[in-house]
Amino acid sequence: MKIMKSIDKKVGDVVYYKYKINLPKKIEETDLLDKELNITLGEDKIIIEKDKNLKGKKVSK
């Protein structure tokens, strides 16, 4: 799995980027879809957790 950097937009001389990762298909079997998530960067790992402050509420789009 790789972290990919892509250009989001350019405003004047400033370039904004988005970072993307591909998740395994098993993510569809979890209850993490359409939920607000907390992302923690450790020394050698990335931890993805549900946001406990929202208590499972869906995020409006």
PDB file of N, CA and C in Angstrom:
ATOM      1  N   MET A   1       0.844  -1.162   0.000  1.00  0.00           N
ATOM      2  CA  MET A   1       0.000   0.000   0.000  1.00  0.00           C
ATOM      3  C   MET A   1       0.897   1.236   0.000  1.00  0.00           C
ATOM      4  N   LYS A   2       0.519   2.218  -0.780  1.00  0.00           N
ATOM      5  CA  LYS A   2       1.304   3.441  -0.896  1.00  0.00           C
ATOM      6  C   LYS A   2       0.438   4.641  -0.558  1.00  0.00           C
ATOM      7  N   ILE A   3       1.063   5.685  -0.062  1.00  0.00           N
ATOM      8  CA  ILE A   3       0.403   6.969   0.091  1.00  0.00           C
ATOM      9  C   ILE A   3       0.711   7.760  -1.175  1.00  0.00           C
ATOM     10  N   MET A   4      -0.348   8.217  -1.852  1.00  0.00           N
ATOM     11  CA  MET A   4      -0.181   8.931  -3.112  1.00  0.00           C
ATOM     12  C   MET A   4      -0.454  10.419  -2.915  1.00  0.00           C
ATOM     13  N   LYS A   5       0.348  11.242  -3.519  1.00  0.00           N
ATOM     14  CA  LYS A   5       0.194  12.690  -3.450  1.00  0.00           C
ATOM     15  C   LYS A   5      -0.290  13.177  -4.811  1.00  0.00           C
ATOM     16  N   SER A   6      -1.397  13.918  -4.808  1.00  0.00           N
ATOM     17  CA  SER A   6      -1.903  14.446  -6.067  1.00  0.00           C
ATOM     18  C   SER A   6      -2.253  15.920  -5.888  1.00  0.00           C
ATOM     19  N   ILE A   7      -2.169  16.653  -6.966  1.00  0.00           N
ATOM     20  CA  ILE A   7      -2.484  18.077  -6.934  1.00  0.00           C
ATOM     21  C   ILE A   7      -3.992  18.246  -6.813  1.00  0.00           C
ATOM     22  N   ASP A   8      -4.418  19.015  -5.822  1.00  0.00           N
ATOM     23  CA  ASP A   8      -5.840  19.292  -5.626  1.00  0.00           C
ATOM     24  C   ASP A   8      -6.246  20.509  -6.447  1.00  0.00           C
ATOM     25  N   LYS A   9      -5.533  21.619  -6.241  1.00  0.00           N
ATOM     26  CA  LYS A   9      -5.827  22.831  -7.005  1.00  0.00           C
ATOM     27  C   LYS A   9      -4.651  23.782  -6.906  1.00  0.00           C
ATOM     28  N   LYS A  10      -4.639  24.749  -7.814  1.00  0.00           N
ATOM     29  CA  LYS A  10      -3.638  25.807  -7.810  1.00  0.00           C
ATOM     30  C   LYS A  10      -4.358  27.133  -7.669  1.00  0.00           C
ATOM     31  N   VAL A  11      -3.905  27.940  -6.726  1.00  0.00           N
ATOM     32  CA  VAL A  11      -4.459  29.275  -6.524  1.00  0.00           C
ATOM     33  C   VAL A  11      -3.290  30.243  -6.591  1.00  0.00           C
ATOM     34  N   GLY A  12      -3.195  30.961  -7.689  1.00  0.00           N
ATOM     35  CA  GLY A  12      -2.039  31.836  -7.888  1.00  0.00           C
ATOM     36  C   GLY A  12      -0.770  31.003  -7.963  1.00  0.00           C
ATOM     37  N   ASP A  13       0.185  31.315  -7.107  1.00  0.00           N
ATOM     38  CA  ASP A  13       1.439  30.554  -7.072  1.00  0.00           C
ATOM     39  C   ASP A  13       1.413  29.427  -6.046  1.00  0.00           C
ATOM     40  N   VAL A  14       0.298  29.255  -5.315  1.00  0.00           N
ATOM     41  CA  VAL A  14       0.206  28.243  -4.258  1.00  0.00           C
ATOM     42  C   VAL A  14      -0.433  26.975  -4.821  1.00  0.00           C
ATOM     43  N   VAL A  15       0.192  25.824  -4.563  1.00  0.00           N
ATOM     44  CA  VAL A  15      -0.331  24.537  -5.002  1.00  0.00           C
ATOM     45  C   VAL A  15      -0.815  23.775  -3.774  1.00  0.00           C
ATOM     46  N   TYR A  16      -2.064  23.298  -3.807  1.00  0.00           N
ATOM     47  CA  TYR A  16      -2.636  22.507  -2.725  1.00  0.00           C
ATOM     48  C   TYR A  16      -2.670  21.041  -3.151  1.00  0.00           C
ATOM     49  N   TYR A  17      -2.325  20.149  -2.217  1.00  0.00           N
ATOM     50  CA  TYR A  17      -2.242  18.720  -2.505  1.00  0.00           C
ATOM     51  C   TYR A  17      -3.246  17.940  -1.678  1.00  0.00           C
ATOM     52  N   LYS A  18      -3.632  16.766  -2.178  1.00  0.00           N
ATOM     53  CA  LYS A  18      -4.414  15.774  -1.448  1.00  0.00           C
ATOM     54  C   LYS A  18      -3.557  14.525  -1.347  1.00  0.00           C
ATOM     55  N   TYR A  19      -3.709  13.828  -0.245  1.00  0.00           N
ATOM     56  CA  TYR A  19      -3.001  12.569  -0.045  1.00  0.00           C
ATOM     57  C   TYR A  19      -4.030  11.456   0.001  1.00  0.00           C
ATOM     58  N   LYS A  20      -3.771  10.368  -0.736  1.00  0.00           N
ATOM     59  CA  LYS A  20      -4.733   9.277  -0.875  1.00  0.00           C
ATOM     60  C   LYS A  20      -4.069   7.949  -0.541  1.00  0.00           C
ATOM     61  N   ILE A  21      -4.869   7.026   0.007  1.00  0.00           N
ATOM     62  CA  ILE A  21      -4.404   5.654   0.186  1.00  0.00           C
ATOM     63  C   ILE A  21      -5.500   4.725  -0.325  1.00  0.00           C
ATOM     64  N   ASN A  22      -5.115   3.576  -0.799  1.00  0.00           N
ATOM     65  CA  ASN A  22      -6.062   2.545  -1.199  1.00  0.00           C
ATOM     66  C   ASN A  22      -6.252   1.621  -0.007  1.00  0.00           C
ATOM     67  N   LEU A  23      -7.510   1.423   0.393  1.00  0.00           N
ATOM     68  CA  LEU A  23      -7.820   0.531   1.498  1.00  0.00           C
ATOM     69  C   LEU A  23      -8.277  -0.814   0.951  1.00  0.00           C
ATOM     70  N   PRO A  24      -8.070  -1.887   1.710  1.00  0.00           N
ATOM     71  CA  PRO A  24      -8.506  -3.197   1.229  1.00  0.00           C
ATOM     72  C   PRO A  24     -10.032  -3.280   1.139  1.00  0.00           C
ATOM     73  N   LYS A  25     -10.527  -4.189   0.309  1.00  0.00           N
ATOM     74  CA  LYS A  25     -11.967  -4.338   0.088  1.00  0.00           C
ATOM     75  C   LYS A  25     -12.702  -4.692   1.379  1.00  0.00           C
ATOM     76  N   LYS A  26     -12.019  -5.271   2.353  1.00  0.00           N
ATOM     77  CA  LYS A  26     -12.639  -5.646   3.626  1.00  0.00           C
ATOM     78  C   LYS A  26     -13.193  -4.438   4.383  1.00  0.00           C
ATOM     79  N   ILE A  27     -12.802  -3.240   4.005  1.00  0.00           N
ATOM     80  CA  ILE A  27     -13.303  -2.037   4.672  1.00  0.00           C
ATOM     81  C   ILE A  27     -14.815  -1.927   4.507  1.00  0.00           C
ATOM     82  N   GLU A  28     -15.372  -2.514   3.438  1.00  0.00           N
ATOM     83  CA  GLU A  28     -16.815  -2.481   3.213  1.00  0.00           C
ATOM     84  C   GLU A  28     -17.570  -3.301   4.252  1.00  0.00           C
ATOM     85  N   GLU A  29     -16.898  -4.247   4.903  1.00  0.00           N
ATOM     86  CA  GLU A  29     -17.525  -5.094   5.912  1.00  0.00           C
ATOM     87  C   GLU A  29     -17.535  -4.437   7.292  1.00  0.00           C
ATOM     88  N   THR A  30     -16.908  -3.287   7.425  1.00  0.00           N
ATOM     89  CA  THR A  30     -16.856  -2.602   8.713  1.00  0.00           C
ATOM     90  C   THR A  30     -17.944  -1.540   8.779  1.00  0.00           C
ATOM     91  N   ASP A  31     -18.072  -0.915   9.931  1.00  0.00           N
ATOM     92  CA  ASP A  31     -19.043   0.170  10.061  1.00  0.00           C
ATOM     93  C   ASP A  31     -18.342   1.526   9.996  1.00  0.00           C
ATOM     94  N   LEU A  32     -17.223   1.599   9.288  1.00  0.00           N
ATOM     95  CA  LEU A  32     -16.458   2.836   9.192  1.00  0.00           C
ATOM     96  C   LEU A  32     -16.840   3.703   7.999  1.00  0.00           C
ATOM     97  N   LEU A  33     -17.594   3.160   7.054  1.00  0.00           N
ATOM     98  CA  LEU A  33     -17.978   3.933   5.879  1.00  0.00           C
ATOM     99  C   LEU A  33     -18.921   5.060   6.276  1.00  0.00           C
ATOM    100  N   ASP A  34     -18.739   6.224   5.699  1.00  0.00           N
ATOM    101  CA  ASP A  34     -19.570   7.411   5.938  1.00  0.00           C
ATOM    102  C   ASP A  34     -19.543   7.873   7.388  1.00  0.00           C
ATOM    103  N   LYS A  35     -18.494   7.553   8.120  1.00  0.00           N
ATOM    104  CA  LYS A  35     -18.342   7.993   9.505  1.00  0.00           C
ATOM    105  C   LYS A  35     -17.161   8.948   9.603  1.00  0.00           C
ATOM    106  N   GLU A  36     -17.199   9.824  10.585  1.00  0.00           N
ATOM    107  CA  GLU A  36     -16.076  10.708  10.873  1.00  0.00           C
ATOM    108  C   GLU A  36     -15.002   9.866  11.567  1.00  0.00           C
ATOM    109  N   LEU A  37     -13.757   9.995  11.118  1.00  0.00           N
ATOM    110  CA  LEU A  37     -12.673   9.160  11.627  1.00  0.00           C
ATOM    111  C   LEU A  37     -11.576  10.001  12.255  1.00  0.00           C
ATOM    112  N   ASN A  38     -10.875   9.409  13.220  1.00  0.00           N
ATOM    113  CA  ASN A  38      -9.673  10.012  13.787  1.00  0.00           C
ATOM    114  C   ASN A  38      -8.481   9.287  13.191  1.00  0.00           C
ATOM    115  N   ILE A  39      -7.525  10.022  12.680  1.00  0.00           N
ATOM    116  CA  ILE A  39      -6.316   9.459  12.102  1.00  0.00           C
ATOM    117  C   ILE A  39      -5.147   9.864  12.999  1.00  0.00           C
ATOM    118  N   THR A  40      -4.384   8.872  13.444  1.00  0.00           N
ATOM    119  CA  THR A  40      -3.231   9.120  14.293  1.00  0.00           C
ATOM    120  C   THR A  40      -1.986   8.613  13.588  1.00  0.00           C
ATOM    121  N   LEU A  41      -0.974   9.465  13.500  1.00  0.00           N
ATOM    122  CA  LEU A  41       0.292   9.060  12.903  1.00  0.00           C
ATOM    123  C   LEU A  41       1.256   8.690  14.022  1.00  0.00           C
ATOM    124  N   GLY A  42       1.712   7.438  14.006  1.00  0.00           N
ATOM    125  CA  GLY A  42       2.700   6.980  14.971  1.00  0.00           C
ATOM    126  C   GLY A  42       4.074   6.999  14.353  1.00  0.00           C
ATOM    127  N   GLU A  43       5.019   6.372  15.027  1.00  0.00           N
ATOM    128  CA  GLU A  43       6.385   6.345  14.489  1.00  0.00           C
ATOM    129  C   GLU A  43       6.443   5.606  13.156  1.00  0.00           C
ATOM    130  N   ASP A  44       5.877   4.411  13.113  1.00  0.00           N
ATOM    131  CA  ASP A  44       5.900   3.619  11.881  1.00  0.00           C
ATOM    132  C   ASP A  44       4.520   3.104  11.492  1.00  0.00           C
ATOM    133  N   LYS A  45       3.453   3.790  11.944  1.00  0.00           N
ATOM    134  CA  LYS A  45       2.126   3.297  11.608  1.00  0.00           C
ATOM    135  C   LYS A  45       1.110   4.423  11.556  1.00  0.00           C
ATOM    136  N   ILE A  46       0.011   4.136  10.867  1.00  0.00           N
ATOM    137  CA  ILE A  46      -1.122   5.040  10.777  1.00  0.00           C
ATOM    138  C   ILE A  46      -2.306   4.312  11.407  1.00  0.00           C
ATOM    139  N   ILE A  47      -2.970   4.940  12.376  1.00  0.00           N
ATOM    140  CA  ILE A  47      -4.094   4.323  13.071  1.00  0.00           C
ATOM    141  C   ILE A  47      -5.363   5.065  12.678  1.00  0.00           C
ATOM    142  N   ILE A  48      -6.369   4.303  12.190  1.00  0.00           N
ATOM    143  CA  ILE A  48      -7.653   4.862  11.784  1.00  0.00           C
ATOM    144  C   ILE A  48      -8.703   4.348  12.761  1.00  0.00           C
ATOM    145  N   GLU A  49      -9.415   5.279  13.435  1.00  0.00           N
ATOM    146  CA  GLU A  49     -10.439   4.909  14.408  1.00  0.00           C
ATOM    147  C   GLU A  49     -11.690   5.745  14.183  1.00  0.00           C
ATOM    148  N   LYS A  50     -12.838   5.206  14.620  1.00  0.00           N
ATOM    149  CA  LYS A  50     -14.061   6.003  14.604  1.00  0.00           C
ATOM    150  C   LYS A  50     -13.916   7.128  15.602  1.00  0.00           C
ATOM    151  N   ASP A  51     -14.504   8.272  15.288  1.00  0.00           N
ATOM    152  CA  ASP A  51     -14.482   9.405  16.205  1.00  0.00           C
ATOM    153  C   ASP A  51     -15.470   9.119  17.327  1.00  0.00           C
ATOM    154  N   LYS A  52     -14.966   8.895  18.526  1.00  0.00           N
ATOM    155  CA  LYS A  52     -15.806   8.526  19.666  1.00  0.00           C
ATOM    156  C   LYS A  52     -16.658   9.693  20.144  1.00  0.00           C
ATOM    157  N   ASN A  53     -16.281  10.921  19.828  1.00  0.00           N
ATOM    158  CA  ASN A  53     -17.044  12.093  20.249  1.00  0.00           C
ATOM    159  C   ASN A  53     -18.377  12.211  19.519  1.00  0.00           C
ATOM    160  N   LEU A  54     -18.470  11.646  18.314  1.00  0.00           N
ATOM    161  CA  LEU A  54     -19.710  11.749  17.538  1.00  0.00           C
ATOM    162  C   LEU A  54     -20.699  10.638  17.860  1.00  0.00           C
ATOM    163  N   LYS A  55     -20.286   9.604  18.579  1.00  0.00           N
ATOM    164  CA  LYS A  55     -21.138   8.493  19.009  1.00  0.00           C
ATOM    165  C   LYS A  55     -21.862   7.839  17.842  1.00  0.00           C
ATOM    166  N   GLY A  56     -21.153   7.619  16.718  1.00  0.00           N
ATOM    167  CA  GLY A  56     -21.709   6.881  15.600  1.00  0.00           C
ATOM    168  C   GLY A  56     -22.640   7.651  14.701  1.00  0.00           C
ATOM    169  N   LYS A  57     -22.777   8.955  14.887  1.00  0.00           N
ATOM    170  CA  LYS A  57     -23.652   9.735  14.015  1.00  0.00           C
ATOM    171  C   LYS A  57     -23.062   9.843  12.635  1.00  0.00           C
ATOM    172  N   LYS A  58     -23.915   9.795  11.627  1.00  0.00           N
ATOM    173  CA  LYS A  58     -23.441   9.980  10.259  1.00  0.00           C
ATOM    174  C   LYS A  58     -23.154  11.439   9.997  1.00  0.00           C
ATOM    175  N   VAL A  59     -22.183  11.684   9.167  1.00  0.00           N
ATOM    176  CA  VAL A  59     -21.814  13.044   8.805  1.00  0.00           C
ATOM    177  C   VAL A  59     -22.649  13.470   7.614  1.00  0.00           C
ATOM    178  N   SER A  60     -23.287  14.629   7.711  1.00  0.00           N
ATOM    179  CA  SER A  60     -24.100  15.100   6.589  1.00  0.00           C
ATOM    180  C   SER A  60     -23.212  15.619   5.498  1.00  0.00           C
ATOM    181  N   LYS A  61     -23.616  15.406   4.254  1.00  0.00           N
ATOM    182  CA  LYS A  61     -22.820  15.816   3.103  1.00  0.00           C
ATOM    183  C   LYS A  61     -23.479  16.965   2.407  1.00  0.00           C
TER     184      LYS A  61
END
